[in-house]
C-alpha atoms as a PDB file:
ATOM      1  CA  MET A   1       2.160  11.532   6.093  1.00  0.00           C
ATOM      2  CA  MET A   2       1.336   8.185   4.697  1.00  0.00           C
ATOM      3  CA  ARG A   3       3.245   5.154   6.186  1.00  0.00           C
ATOM      4  CA  CYS A   4       3.635   1.697   4.687  1.00  0.00           C
ATOM      5  CA  PRO A   5       1.346  -0.850   6.405  1.00  0.00           C
ATOM      6  CA  ASN A   6       4.132  -3.521   6.036  1.00  0.00           C
ATOM      7  CA  CYS A   7       7.378  -1.898   7.126  1.00  0.00           C
ATOM      8  CA  ASN A   8       5.999   1.440   8.582  1.00  0.00           C
ATOM      9  CA  SER A   9       8.277   3.474   6.123  1.00  0.00           C
ATOM     10  CA  LYS A  10       7.278   7.128   5.074  1.00  0.00           C
ATOM     11  CA  ASP A  11       9.213   6.408   1.756  1.00  0.00           C
ATOM     12  CA  ILE A  12       5.937   6.124  -0.161  1.00  0.00           C
ATOM     13  CA  GLY A  13       5.563   7.209  -3.837  1.00  0.00           C
ATOM     14  CA  LYS A  14       2.353   7.942  -5.649  1.00  0.00           C
ATOM     15  CA  ILE A  15       2.076   5.842  -8.951  1.00  0.00           C
ATOM     16  CA  GLY A  16      -1.612   6.567  -9.772  1.00  0.00           C
ATOM     17  CA  SER A  17      -4.721   8.238  -8.519  1.00  0.00           C
ATOM     18  CA  HIS A  18      -5.170   5.602  -5.694  1.00  0.00           C
ATOM     19  CA  GLN A  19      -1.923   3.641  -6.109  1.00  0.00           C
ATOM     20  CA  PHE A  20       1.250   4.014  -4.052  1.00  0.00           C
ATOM     21  CA  TYR A  21       4.524   2.205  -3.952  1.00  0.00           C
ATOM     22  CA  CYS A  22       6.806   1.616  -0.945  1.00  0.00           C
ATOM     23  CA  TRP A  23      10.467   2.208  -1.787  1.00  0.00           C
ATOM     24  CA  SER A  24      11.612   0.553   1.455  1.00  0.00           C
ATOM     25  CA  CYS A  25       9.968  -2.979   1.111  1.00  0.00           C
ATOM     26  CA  PHE A  26       8.877  -2.691  -2.647  1.00  0.00           C
ATOM     27  CA  ILE A  27       5.090  -3.374  -2.330  1.00  0.00           C
ATOM     28  CA  GLU A  28       2.302  -1.625  -3.993  1.00  0.00           C
ATOM     29  CA  LEU A  29      -0.654  -0.304  -2.232  1.00  0.00           C
ATOM     30  CA  THR A  30      -4.079   0.426  -3.668  1.00  0.00           C
ATOM     31  CA  VAL A  31      -6.386   2.561  -1.557  1.00  0.00           C
ATOM     32  CA  ASN A  32     -10.123   3.114  -2.291  1.00  0.00           C
ATOM     33  CA  GLY A  33     -11.991   4.949   0.601  1.00  0.00           C
ATOM     34  CA  ASP A  34     -11.733   2.492   3.519  1.00  0.00           C
ATOM     35  CA  LYS A  35     -10.434  -0.412   1.479  1.00  0.00           C
ATOM     36  CA  MET A  36      -6.690  -1.155   0.855  1.00  0.00           C
ATOM     37  CA  SER A  37      -5.108  -3.935  -1.219  1.00  0.00           C
ATOM     38  CA  VAL A  38      -1.377  -4.748  -0.815  1.00  0.00           C
ATOM     39  CA  TYR A  39       0.550  -6.333  -3.452  1.00  0.00           C
ATOM     40  CA  GLN A  40       4.056  -7.778  -4.010  1.00  0.00           C
ATOM     41  CA  VAL A  41       5.716  -6.847  -7.252  1.00  0.00           C
ATOM     42  CA  GLU A  42       7.161  -9.961  -8.807  1.00  0.00           C
ATOM     43  CA  GLU A  43      10.361 -10.038 -11.043  1.00  0.00           C
ATOM     44  CA  ASP A  44       8.328 -10.060 -14.209  1.00  0.00           C
ATOM     45  CA  GLY A  45       6.273  -6.946 -13.140  1.00  0.00           C
ATOM     46  CA  THR A  46       3.225  -8.921 -12.150  1.00  0.00           C
ATOM     47  CA  LEU A  47       1.329  -8.206  -8.863  1.00  0.00           C
ATOM     48  CA  SER A  48       0.730 -10.887  -6.318  1.00  0.00           C
ATOM     49  CA  SER A  49      -1.926 -10.075  -3.705  1.00  0.00           C
ATOM     50  CA  LEU A  50      -0.759  -9.990   0.034  1.00  0.00           C
ATOM     51  CA  ASP A  51      -4.304  -9.134   1.290  1.00  0.00           C
ATOM     52  CA  ASP A  52      -4.458 -12.465   3.118  1.00  0.00           C
ATOM     53  CA  LEU A  53      -1.625 -11.119   5.324  1.00  0.00           C
ATOM     54  CA  PHE A  54      -3.374  -7.870   6.114  1.00  0.00           C
ATOM     55  CA  PHE A  55      -7.066  -9.195   6.032  1.00  0.00           C
ATOM     56  CA  GLY A  56      -9.215  -7.940   8.792  1.00  0.00           C
ATOM     57  CA  GLU A  57      -6.846  -5.056   9.920  1.00  0.00           C
ATOM     58  CA  PRO A  58      -8.567  -1.618   9.892  1.00  0.00           C
ATOM     59  CA  ILE A  59      -6.827   1.009   7.817  1.00  0.00           C
ATOM     60  CA  PRO A  60      -5.292   3.593  10.186  1.00  0.00           C
ATOM     61  CA  PRO A  61      -6.444   7.148   9.535  1.00  0.00           C
ATOM     62  CA  HIS A  62      -3.070   8.330   8.134  1.00  0.00           C
ATOM     63  CA  ILE A  63      -3.198   5.760   5.412  1.00  0.00           C
ATOM     64  CA  HIS A  64      -6.231   7.020   3.472  1.00  0.00           C
ATOM     65  CA  ALA A  65      -5.495   8.288  -0.042  1.00  0.00           C
ATOM     66  CA  GLY A  66      -6.598  11.918   0.952  1.00  0.00           C
ATOM     67  CA  GLY A  67      -4.152  11.927   3.774  1.00  0.00           C
ATOM     68  CA  MET A  68      -1.105  12.618   1.584  1.00  0.00           C
END
């Protein structure tokens, strides 16, 4: 089961082939292999990168896109 790297919630929805959305803290995740990008969804629908908050942290094995 995939967990949110921000709030540790299991309430993750798949919105694209490598895109996920956390319904608990409202962030969007993009996973490609070993690389993850984290975004905040703004009021106007644009995405703001939060990668600087998570930079340098390894992706836990249960986060990989194939782990769902």
